[in-house]
Amino acid sequence: MFTHIKIKPFYNTYNDNIAEEFYVTTLKEARVYNRVSAYFSSKALASYANGIVEMYKNKGKINFIISKELEEEDYNEIVKGYKNREKIEKQLLEDLNEKLTLQEKMKLSNVAFLIENKILDIKIAFVKEGIFHDKFGLMYDEENNCIYFRGSNNETAAAINKNYESFEVSCNWKENEFESDKIINAEKMFKKLWNNNDDRIEVIEIPQIIKRKLI
């Protein structure tokens, strides 16, 4: 559970090991990871693959809403994952407590593999004016404890490993009313976007994007 791990109120890429100290530490305990990001890179997943391994073993779920500003390689991997999902059954280990091989761990940092096996879903946000530039995340553990973070960081390898980035963190089990309002607002925002209920933004599932050839 999140309540058993050390979580700082803020992180900075120049002062903290973001991949290990934040992503891996929290995702090992997470059951759901909801993320809104202006930019996305599949290489980001490799940075915190050890956290995804534990989510996979715990039957966790990752949901991303990202902008249409994608590298061709990343888009092709996403498309591949959704096309393969239609062809194969969900392939989970029979014994989820079994130690994963190095090859299996490598697969768990692969976008197509995660999508194929229904661990990861990605939707694309299209705005009528300007660009889709919001950046925040919500993580939930088995007790529905919530970690909320918001800052300059996108879901990219550069944001985790290279750029000068900062973000702040709120936890619903440590909250005061002021912090509670932030988490509630972020949850409402994510739900509204995920369900495509904002008139100014169209959030579309990848299979529909493929059919409509929007990107």
C-alpha atoms as a PDB file:
ATOM      1  CA  MET A   1       0.000   0.000   0.000  1.00  0.00           C
ATOM      2  CA  PHE A   2       1.038   3.605  -0.580  1.00  0.00           C
ATOM      3  CA  THR A   3       0.855   4.344   3.146  1.00  0.00           C
ATOM      4  CA  HIS A   4       3.863   2.053   3.727  1.00  0.00           C
ATOM      5  CA  ILE A   5       6.236   3.796   1.314  1.00  0.00           C
ATOM      6  CA  LYS A   6       8.134   7.069   1.476  1.00  0.00           C
ATOM      7  CA  ILE A   7       6.606   9.760  -0.727  1.00  0.00           C
ATOM      8  CA  LYS A   8       7.990  13.275  -0.918  1.00  0.00           C
ATOM      9  CA  PRO A   9       5.778  16.372  -1.383  1.00  0.00           C
ATOM     10  CA  PHE A  10       7.795  17.442  -4.433  1.00  0.00           C
ATOM     11  CA  TYR A  11      10.382  16.043  -6.839  1.00  0.00           C
ATOM     12  CA  ASN A  12      12.984  17.587  -9.125  1.00  0.00           C
ATOM     13  CA  THR A  13      14.899  15.759 -11.844  1.00  0.00           C
ATOM     14  CA  TYR A  14      18.204  17.365 -10.877  1.00  0.00           C
ATOM     15  CA  ASN A  15      17.868  16.409  -7.210  1.00  0.00           C
ATOM     16  CA  ASP A  16      15.952  13.119  -7.328  1.00  0.00           C
ATOM     17  CA  ASN A  17      16.093   9.843  -9.223  1.00  0.00           C
ATOM     18  CA  ILE A  18      12.580  10.237 -10.642  1.00  0.00           C
ATOM     19  CA  ALA A  19      12.378   6.778 -12.211  1.00  0.00           C
ATOM     20  CA  GLU A  20      13.344   4.829  -9.089  1.00  0.00           C
ATOM     21  CA  GLU A  21      12.334   7.123  -6.235  1.00  0.00           C
ATOM     22  CA  PHE A  22       8.921   8.074  -7.609  1.00  0.00           C
ATOM     23  CA  TYR A  23       7.668   5.927 -10.499  1.00  0.00           C
ATOM     24  CA  VAL A  24       9.012   2.503  -9.543  1.00  0.00           C
ATOM     25  CA  THR A  25       8.338   2.996  -5.830  1.00  0.00           C
ATOM     26  CA  THR A  26       4.709   4.017  -6.341  1.00  0.00           C
ATOM     27  CA  LEU A  27       3.806   1.776  -9.284  1.00  0.00           C
ATOM     28  CA  LYS A  28       4.943  -1.327  -7.375  1.00  0.00           C
ATOM     29  CA  GLU A  29       2.019  -0.649  -5.030  1.00  0.00           C
ATOM     30  CA  ALA A  30      -0.428   0.758  -7.600  1.00  0.00           C
ATOM     31  CA  ARG A  31      -3.446  -0.966  -9.088  1.00  0.00           C
ATOM     32  CA  VAL A  32      -4.471   1.924 -11.361  1.00  0.00           C
ATOM     33  CA  TYR A  33      -2.359   4.647 -12.976  1.00  0.00           C
ATOM     34  CA  ASN A  34      -4.267   7.415 -14.785  1.00  0.00           C
ATOM     35  CA  ARG A  35      -2.127   9.926 -16.631  1.00  0.00           C
ATOM     36  CA  VAL A  36      -2.699  13.073 -18.697  1.00  0.00           C
ATOM     37  CA  SER A  37       0.357  14.221 -20.626  1.00  0.00           C
ATOM     38  CA  ALA A  38       1.032  16.720 -23.381  1.00  0.00           C
ATOM     39  CA  TYR A  39       3.747  14.492 -24.830  1.00  0.00           C
ATOM     40  CA  PHE A  40       4.403  10.770 -24.649  1.00  0.00           C
ATOM     41  CA  SER A  41       7.366   8.557 -25.428  1.00  0.00           C
ATOM     42  CA  SER A  42       7.307   4.778 -25.215  1.00  0.00           C
ATOM     43  CA  LYS A  43      10.871   4.948 -23.891  1.00  0.00           C
ATOM     44  CA  ALA A  44       9.455   6.415 -20.690  1.00  0.00           C
ATOM     45  CA  LEU A  45       8.000   3.006 -19.845  1.00  0.00           C
ATOM     46  CA  ALA A  46      11.455   1.441 -19.943  1.00  0.00           C
ATOM     47  CA  SER A  47      12.575   3.915 -17.275  1.00  0.00           C
ATOM     48  CA  TYR A  48      10.131   2.466 -14.756  1.00  0.00           C
ATOM     49  CA  ALA A  49       9.698  -1.066 -16.129  1.00  0.00           C
ATOM     50  CA  ASN A  50      10.337  -2.588 -12.687  1.00  0.00           C
ATOM     51  CA  GLY A  51       7.235  -0.801 -11.424  1.00  0.00           C
ATOM     52  CA  ILE A  52       5.183  -2.040 -14.388  1.00  0.00           C
ATOM     53  CA  VAL A  53       6.330  -5.606 -13.652  1.00  0.00           C
ATOM     54  CA  GLU A  54       4.665  -5.413 -10.234  1.00  0.00           C
ATOM     55  CA  MET A  55       1.522  -3.808 -11.669  1.00  0.00           C
ATOM     56  CA  TYR A  56       1.346  -6.631 -14.213  1.00  0.00           C
ATOM     57  CA  LYS A  57       1.636  -9.268 -11.482  1.00  0.00           C
ATOM     58  CA  ASN A  58      -1.070  -7.461  -9.494  1.00  0.00           C
ATOM     59  CA  LYS A  59      -3.388  -7.199 -12.510  1.00  0.00           C
ATOM     60  CA  GLY A  60      -3.025  -3.426 -12.569  1.00  0.00           C
ATOM     61  CA  LYS A  61      -4.270  -1.017 -15.250  1.00  0.00           C
ATOM     62  CA  ILE A  62      -2.676   2.022 -16.898  1.00  0.00           C
ATOM     63  CA  ASN A  63      -4.752   4.670 -18.710  1.00  0.00           C
ATOM     64  CA  PHE A  64      -3.082   7.469 -20.688  1.00  0.00           C
ATOM     65  CA  ILE A  65      -4.610  10.533 -22.330  1.00  0.00           C
ATOM     66  CA  ILE A  66      -2.018  12.191 -24.537  1.00  0.00           C
ATOM     67  CA  SER A  67      -1.814  14.768 -27.308  1.00  0.00           C
ATOM     68  CA  LYS A  68      -1.600  13.934 -30.998  1.00  0.00           C
ATOM     69  CA  GLU A  69       2.014  15.143 -31.057  1.00  0.00           C
ATOM     70  CA  LEU A  70       3.472  11.640 -31.338  1.00  0.00           C
ATOM     71  CA  GLU A  71       6.655  10.336 -32.897  1.00  0.00           C
ATOM     72  CA  GLU A  72       5.881   8.005 -35.809  1.00  0.00           C
ATOM     73  CA  GLU A  73       7.652   5.111 -34.064  1.00  0.00           C
ATOM     74  CA  ASP A  74       5.533   5.493 -30.927  1.00  0.00           C
ATOM     75  CA  TYR A  75       2.306   5.791 -32.905  1.00  0.00           C
ATOM     76  CA  ASN A  76       3.119   2.657 -34.881  1.00  0.00           C
ATOM     77  CA  GLU A  77       3.764   0.719 -31.671  1.00  0.00           C
ATOM     78  CA  ILE A  78       0.428   1.850 -30.230  1.00  0.00           C
ATOM     79  CA  VAL A  79      -1.421   0.896 -33.417  1.00  0.00           C
ATOM     80  CA  LYS A  80       0.327  -2.485 -33.465  1.00  0.00           C
ATOM     81  CA  GLY A  81      -0.807  -3.169 -29.909  1.00  0.00           C
ATOM     82  CA  TYR A  82      -4.461  -2.461 -30.632  1.00  0.00           C
ATOM     83  CA  LYS A  83      -4.442  -4.467 -33.848  1.00  0.00           C
ATOM     84  CA  ASN A  84      -2.897  -7.446 -32.071  1.00  0.00           C
ATOM     85  CA  ARG A  85      -5.393  -7.146 -29.217  1.00  0.00           C
ATOM     86  CA  GLU A  86      -8.121  -8.042 -31.687  1.00  0.00           C
ATOM     87  CA  LYS A  87      -6.274 -11.190 -32.737  1.00  0.00           C
ATOM     88  CA  ILE A  88      -5.073 -12.744 -29.490  1.00  0.00           C
ATOM     89  CA  GLU A  89      -6.484 -13.665 -26.109  1.00  0.00           C
ATOM     90  CA  LYS A  90      -5.160 -11.968 -23.005  1.00  0.00           C
ATOM     91  CA  GLN A  91      -1.821 -13.583 -22.234  1.00  0.00           C
ATOM     92  CA  LEU A  92      -1.085 -13.401 -18.516  1.00  0.00           C
ATOM     93  CA  LEU A  93       1.167 -15.730 -16.592  1.00  0.00           C
ATOM     94  CA  GLU A  94      -0.696 -18.651 -15.018  1.00  0.00           C
ATOM     95  CA  ASP A  95       1.141 -18.007 -11.778  1.00  0.00           C
ATOM     96  CA  LEU A  96       1.314 -14.270 -11.234  1.00  0.00           C
ATOM     97  CA  ASN A  97       3.712 -14.771  -8.338  1.00  0.00           C
ATOM     98  CA  GLU A  98       6.232 -16.547 -10.552  1.00  0.00           C
ATOM     99  CA  LYS A  99       9.508 -14.705 -11.013  1.00  0.00           C
ATOM    100  CA  LEU A 100       9.574 -13.064 -14.429  1.00  0.00           C
ATOM    101  CA  THR A 101      12.413 -13.729 -16.835  1.00  0.00           C
ATOM    102  CA  LEU A 102      14.525 -10.897 -18.216  1.00  0.00           C
ATOM    103  CA  GLN A 103      12.793 -11.318 -21.577  1.00  0.00           C
ATOM    104  CA  GLU A 104       9.367 -10.987 -19.932  1.00  0.00           C
ATOM    105  CA  LYS A 105      10.506  -7.869 -18.085  1.00  0.00           C
ATOM    106  CA  MET A 106      11.664  -6.369 -21.384  1.00  0.00           C
ATOM    107  CA  LYS A 107       8.236  -7.046 -22.874  1.00  0.00           C
ATOM    108  CA  LEU A 108       6.632  -5.159 -20.000  1.00  0.00           C
ATOM    109  CA  SER A 109       8.338  -1.961 -21.126  1.00  0.00           C
ATOM    110  CA  ASN A 110       6.963  -2.434 -24.639  1.00  0.00           C
ATOM    111  CA  VAL A 111       3.886  -0.374 -25.481  1.00  0.00           C
ATOM    112  CA  ALA A 112       2.465  -2.858 -27.991  1.00  0.00           C
ATOM    113  CA  PHE A 113       2.772  -5.761 -25.538  1.00  0.00           C
ATOM    114  CA  LEU A 114       1.071  -3.820 -22.737  1.00  0.00           C
ATOM    115  CA  ILE A 115      -1.797  -2.804 -25.023  1.00  0.00           C
ATOM    116  CA  GLU A 116      -2.190  -6.317 -26.448  1.00  0.00           C
ATOM    117  CA  ASN A 117      -2.581  -7.717 -22.943  1.00  0.00           C
ATOM    118  CA  LYS A 118      -5.019  -5.011 -21.818  1.00  0.00           C
ATOM    119  CA  ILE A 119      -2.663  -3.566 -19.214  1.00  0.00           C
ATOM    120  CA  LEU A 120      -2.403  -0.225 -21.025  1.00  0.00           C
ATOM    121  CA  ASP A 121      -5.007   1.870 -22.834  1.00  0.00           C
ATOM    122  CA  ILE A 122      -4.203   5.107 -24.631  1.00  0.00           C
ATOM    123  CA  LYS A 123      -6.565   7.783 -25.892  1.00  0.00           C
ATOM    124  CA  ILE A 124      -5.658  10.862 -27.934  1.00  0.00           C
ATOM    125  CA  ALA A 125      -6.953  14.340 -27.122  1.00  0.00           C
ATOM    126  CA  PHE A 126      -7.707  16.790 -29.948  1.00  0.00           C
ATOM    127  CA  VAL A 127      -8.357  20.424 -29.046  1.00  0.00           C
ATOM    128  CA  LYS A 128     -10.227  22.889 -31.233  1.00  0.00           C
ATOM    129  CA  GLU A 129      -7.793  25.689 -30.481  1.00  0.00           C
ATOM    130  CA  GLY A 130      -4.201  25.722 -29.234  1.00  0.00           C
ATOM    131  CA  ILE A 131      -2.553  22.510 -28.022  1.00  0.00           C
ATOM    132  CA  PHE A 132      -3.354  19.856 -25.448  1.00  0.00           C
ATOM    133  CA  HIS A 133      -0.751  20.705 -22.812  1.00  0.00           C
ATOM    134  CA  ASP A 134      -1.998  19.568 -19.394  1.00  0.00           C
ATOM    135  CA  LYS A 135       0.181  17.256 -17.269  1.00  0.00           C
ATOM    136  CA  PHE A 136      -1.000  15.361 -14.183  1.00  0.00           C
ATOM    137  CA  GLY A 137      -1.292  11.847 -12.818  1.00  0.00           C
ATOM    138  CA  LEU A 138      -3.435   9.842 -10.393  1.00  0.00           C
ATOM    139  CA  MET A 139      -2.372   6.534  -8.866  1.00  0.00           C
ATOM    140  CA  TYR A 140      -4.534   4.237  -6.716  1.00  0.00           C
ATOM    141  CA  ASP A 141      -3.556   1.264  -4.568  1.00  0.00           C
ATOM    142  CA  GLU A 142      -5.662  -1.719  -3.466  1.00  0.00           C
ATOM    143  CA  GLU A 143      -7.147   0.332  -0.596  1.00  0.00           C
ATOM    144  CA  ASN A 144      -8.040   3.196  -2.981  1.00  0.00           C
ATOM    145  CA  ASN A 145      -5.408   5.452  -1.459  1.00  0.00           C
ATOM    146  CA  CYS A 146      -4.593   8.074  -4.068  1.00  0.00           C
ATOM    147  CA  ILE A 147      -1.361   9.789  -5.080  1.00  0.00           C
ATOM    148  CA  TYR A 148      -1.876  12.883  -7.231  1.00  0.00           C
ATOM    149  CA  PHE A 149       0.980  14.707  -8.946  1.00  0.00           C
ATOM    150  CA  ARG A 150       1.108  17.726 -11.211  1.00  0.00           C
ATOM    151  CA  GLY A 151       4.018  19.657 -12.659  1.00  0.00           C
ATOM    152  CA  SER A 152       6.103  20.390 -15.724  1.00  0.00           C
ATOM    153  CA  ASN A 153       6.906  16.757 -16.506  1.00  0.00           C
ATOM    154  CA  ASN A 154       5.475  14.914 -19.494  1.00  0.00           C
ATOM    155  CA  GLU A 155       5.347  11.117 -19.798  1.00  0.00           C
ATOM    156  CA  THR A 156       8.587  10.981 -21.780  1.00  0.00           C
ATOM    157  CA  ALA A 157      12.043   9.534 -21.200  1.00  0.00           C
ATOM    158  CA  ALA A 158      13.528  13.007 -21.542  1.00  0.00           C
ATOM    159  CA  ALA A 159      11.284  14.384 -18.792  1.00  0.00           C
ATOM    160  CA  ILE A 160      12.318  11.558 -16.487  1.00  0.00           C
ATOM    161  CA  ASN A 161      16.021  11.295 -17.291  1.00  0.00           C
ATOM    162  CA  LYS A 162      17.279  14.508 -18.921  1.00  0.00           C
ATOM    163  CA  ASN A 163      15.187  17.650 -18.609  1.00  0.00           C
ATOM    164  CA  TYR A 164      15.028  20.023 -15.678  1.00  0.00           C
ATOM    165  CA  GLU A 165      11.528  19.197 -14.426  1.00  0.00           C
ATOM    166  CA  SER A 166       9.619  19.574 -11.164  1.00  0.00           C
ATOM    167  CA  PHE A 167       6.296  18.298  -9.868  1.00  0.00           C
ATOM    168  CA  GLU A 168       4.370  18.380  -6.611  1.00  0.00           C
ATOM    169  CA  VAL A 169       2.558  15.484  -4.941  1.00  0.00           C
ATOM    170  CA  SER A 170      -0.601  15.205  -2.825  1.00  0.00           C
ATOM    171  CA  CYS A 171      -1.822  12.096  -0.966  1.00  0.00           C
ATOM    172  CA  ASN A 172      -5.447  11.643   0.050  1.00  0.00           C
ATOM    173  CA  TRP A 173      -4.541   9.989   3.380  1.00  0.00           C
ATOM    174  CA  LYS A 174      -2.429  13.010   4.395  1.00  0.00           C
ATOM    175  CA  GLU A 175      -4.678  15.699   3.003  1.00  0.00           C
ATOM    176  CA  ASN A 176      -6.210  18.823   4.411  1.00  0.00           C
ATOM    177  CA  GLU A 177      -9.262  20.363   2.777  1.00  0.00           C
ATOM    178  CA  PHE A 178      -7.124  22.449   0.427  1.00  0.00           C
ATOM    179  CA  GLU A 179      -5.217  19.403  -0.870  1.00  0.00           C
ATOM    180  CA  SER A 180      -8.384  17.316  -0.984  1.00  0.00           C
ATOM    181  CA  ASP A 181      -9.965  19.788  -3.407  1.00  0.00           C
ATOM    182  CA  LYS A 182      -6.978  19.394  -5.754  1.00  0.00           C
ATOM    183  CA  ILE A 183      -7.365  15.612  -5.878  1.00  0.00           C
ATOM    184  CA  ILE A 184     -11.144  15.715  -6.322  1.00  0.00           C
ATOM    185  CA  ASN A 185     -10.791  18.252  -9.134  1.00  0.00           C
ATOM    186  CA  ALA A 186      -8.125  16.147 -10.906  1.00  0.00           C
ATOM    187  CA  GLU A 187     -10.302  13.034 -10.647  1.00  0.00           C
ATOM    188  CA  LYS A 188     -13.231  14.895 -12.180  1.00  0.00           C
ATOM    189  CA  MET A 189     -11.022  16.263 -14.955  1.00  0.00           C
ATOM    190  CA  PHE A 190      -9.633  12.848 -15.853  1.00  0.00           C
ATOM    191  CA  LYS A 191     -13.061  11.207 -15.847  1.00  0.00           C
ATOM    192  CA  LYS A 192     -14.485  13.987 -18.021  1.00  0.00           C
ATOM    193  CA  LEU A 193     -11.658  13.684 -20.525  1.00  0.00           C
ATOM    194  CA  TRP A 194     -11.600   9.880 -20.582  1.00  0.00           C
ATOM    195  CA  ASN A 195     -15.353   9.763 -21.271  1.00  0.00           C
ATOM    196  CA  ASN A 196     -15.049  12.501 -23.923  1.00  0.00           C
ATOM    197  CA  ASN A 197     -17.428  14.811 -22.083  1.00  0.00           C
ATOM    198  CA  ASP A 198     -15.639  18.121 -22.625  1.00  0.00           C
ATOM    199  CA  ASP A 199     -17.180  20.079 -25.522  1.00  0.00           C
ATOM    200  CA  ARG A 200     -13.882  21.831 -26.251  1.00  0.00           C
ATOM    201  CA  ILE A 201     -11.780  18.670 -26.433  1.00  0.00           C
ATOM    202  CA  GLU A 202     -12.361  15.451 -28.371  1.00  0.00           C
ATOM    203  CA  VAL A 203     -10.774  12.399 -26.752  1.00  0.00           C
ATOM    204  CA  ILE A 204     -10.729   9.418 -29.096  1.00  0.00           C
ATOM    205  CA  GLU A 205      -9.803   5.754 -28.699  1.00  0.00           C
ATOM    206  CA  ILE A 206      -6.937   4.524 -30.867  1.00  0.00           C
ATOM    207  CA  PRO A 207      -9.054   2.024 -32.872  1.00  0.00           C
ATOM    208  CA  GLN A 208     -11.331   4.883 -33.925  1.00  0.00           C
ATOM    209  CA  ILE A 209      -8.314   7.013 -34.827  1.00  0.00           C
ATOM    210  CA  ILE A 210      -6.995   4.182 -36.995  1.00  0.00           C
ATOM    211  CA  LYS A 211     -10.326   3.910 -38.795  1.00  0.00           C
ATOM    212  CA  ARG A 212     -10.647   7.660 -39.255  1.00  0.00           C
ATOM    213  CA  LYS A 213      -6.951   8.155 -40.111  1.00  0.00           C
ATOM    214  CA  LEU A 214      -6.746  11.268 -37.952  1.00  0.00           C
ATOM    215  CA  ILE A 215      -3.003  11.158 -37.290  1.00  0.00           C
END
